[in-house]
Amino acid sequence: MTRFQEETRSSRLVVALGACLRSGDDELRNIALRRIESVLREHGGNATGAAKALGTPHRTMCRWMQDPGVKALVDASRVQV
């Protein structure tokens, strides 16, 4: 996969996640929250690392973290087991 293809794929994912979070559909929101949760867990709750992995700007991840559902995921993923 070329760099352009990777960036395009990443951009589409970011747009889709944002749209799902903003939608009024609970099922779409849950899909987006599960994807964000899995990436946050992979990065130990580190929002910067998760943003890089998703290919989203840090500012976008910070905006998403204003969402109560995402904020709860961030807090939960930072808990040491």
Protein backbone atom coordinates (compact mmCIF):
# COMPACT_ATOMS: atom_id res chain seq x y z
CA MET A 1 0.00 0.00 0.00
CA THR A 2 1.37 3.41 -0.94
CA ARG A 3 1.59 6.26 1.53
CA PHE A 4 -1.20 8.08 -0.32
CA GLN A 5 -3.46 5.03 -0.05
CA GLU A 6 -2.70 4.72 3.67
CA GLU A 7 -3.45 8.40 4.28
CA THR A 8 -6.69 8.21 2.29
CA ARG A 9 -7.81 5.10 4.18
CA SER A 10 -6.93 6.76 7.49
CA SER A 11 -8.79 9.95 6.55
CA ARG A 12 -11.90 7.97 5.65
CA LEU A 13 -11.77 6.16 8.99
CA VAL A 14 -11.49 9.43 10.90
CA VAL A 15 -14.43 10.93 9.00
CA ALA A 16 -16.51 7.79 9.59
CA LEU A 17 -15.71 7.66 13.31
CA GLY A 18 -16.59 11.33 13.73
CA ALA A 19 -19.84 10.90 11.85
CA CYS A 20 -20.78 7.87 13.95
CA LEU A 21 -20.06 9.75 17.17
CA ARG A 22 -22.21 12.68 16.08
CA SER A 23 -25.06 10.54 14.82
CA GLY A 24 -28.18 10.12 16.85
CA ASP A 25 -28.07 6.37 16.19
CA ASP A 26 -27.01 4.44 19.30
CA GLU A 27 -25.75 1.50 17.26
CA LEU A 28 -23.43 3.68 15.15
CA ARG A 29 -22.15 5.47 18.26
CA ASN A 30 -21.42 2.11 19.89
CA ILE A 31 -19.47 0.94 16.83
CA ALA A 32 -17.32 4.09 16.92
CA LEU A 33 -16.85 3.86 20.69
CA ARG A 34 -15.76 0.21 20.45
CA ARG A 35 -13.16 1.06 17.79
CA ILE A 36 -11.81 3.98 19.81
CA GLU A 37 -11.81 1.83 22.94
CA SER A 38 -9.76 -0.92 21.30
CA VAL A 39 -7.14 1.57 20.10
CA LEU A 40 -7.02 3.30 23.49
CA ARG A 41 -6.48 -0.05 25.22
CA GLU A 42 -3.66 -0.88 22.78
CA HIS A 43 -2.01 2.39 23.80
CA GLY A 44 -2.69 2.18 27.53
CA GLY A 45 -5.10 5.12 27.50
CA ASN A 46 -2.57 7.39 25.81
CA ALA A 47 -4.69 9.69 23.65
CA THR A 48 -1.73 10.89 21.60
CA GLY A 49 -0.70 7.34 20.71
CA ALA A 50 -4.29 6.39 19.95
CA ALA A 51 -4.69 9.43 17.70
CA LYS A 52 -1.56 8.48 15.76
CA ALA A 53 -2.73 4.88 15.42
CA LEU A 54 -6.11 6.03 14.10
CA GLY A 55 -4.45 8.54 11.79
CA THR A 56 -6.36 11.40 13.32
CA PRO A 57 -4.90 14.71 14.43
CA HIS A 58 -4.38 15.05 18.18
CA ARG A 59 -6.79 17.99 18.17
CA THR A 60 -9.54 15.77 16.74
CA MET A 61 -8.91 13.14 19.42
CA CYS A 62 -9.12 15.86 22.08
CA ARG A 63 -12.43 17.00 20.61
CA TRP A 64 -13.71 13.42 20.61
CA MET A 65 -12.61 13.14 24.24
CA GLN A 66 -15.16 15.84 25.11
CA ASP A 67 -17.81 13.22 24.30
CA PRO A 68 -18.93 11.58 27.57
CA GLY A 69 -18.71 8.08 26.06
CA VAL A 70 -15.14 8.54 24.84
CA LYS A 71 -14.08 10.27 28.06
CA ALA A 72 -15.32 7.29 30.08
CA LEU A 73 -13.30 4.96 27.82
CA VAL A 74 -10.15 7.01 28.31
CA ASP A 75 -10.59 7.02 32.08
CA ALA A 76 -11.29 3.27 32.14
CA SER A 77 -8.30 2.41 29.95
CA ARG A 78 -5.92 4.32 32.23
CA VAL A 79 -6.85 2.16 35.21
CA GLN A 80 -3.97 -0.14 36.14
CA VAL A 81 -4.90 -3.81 36.39
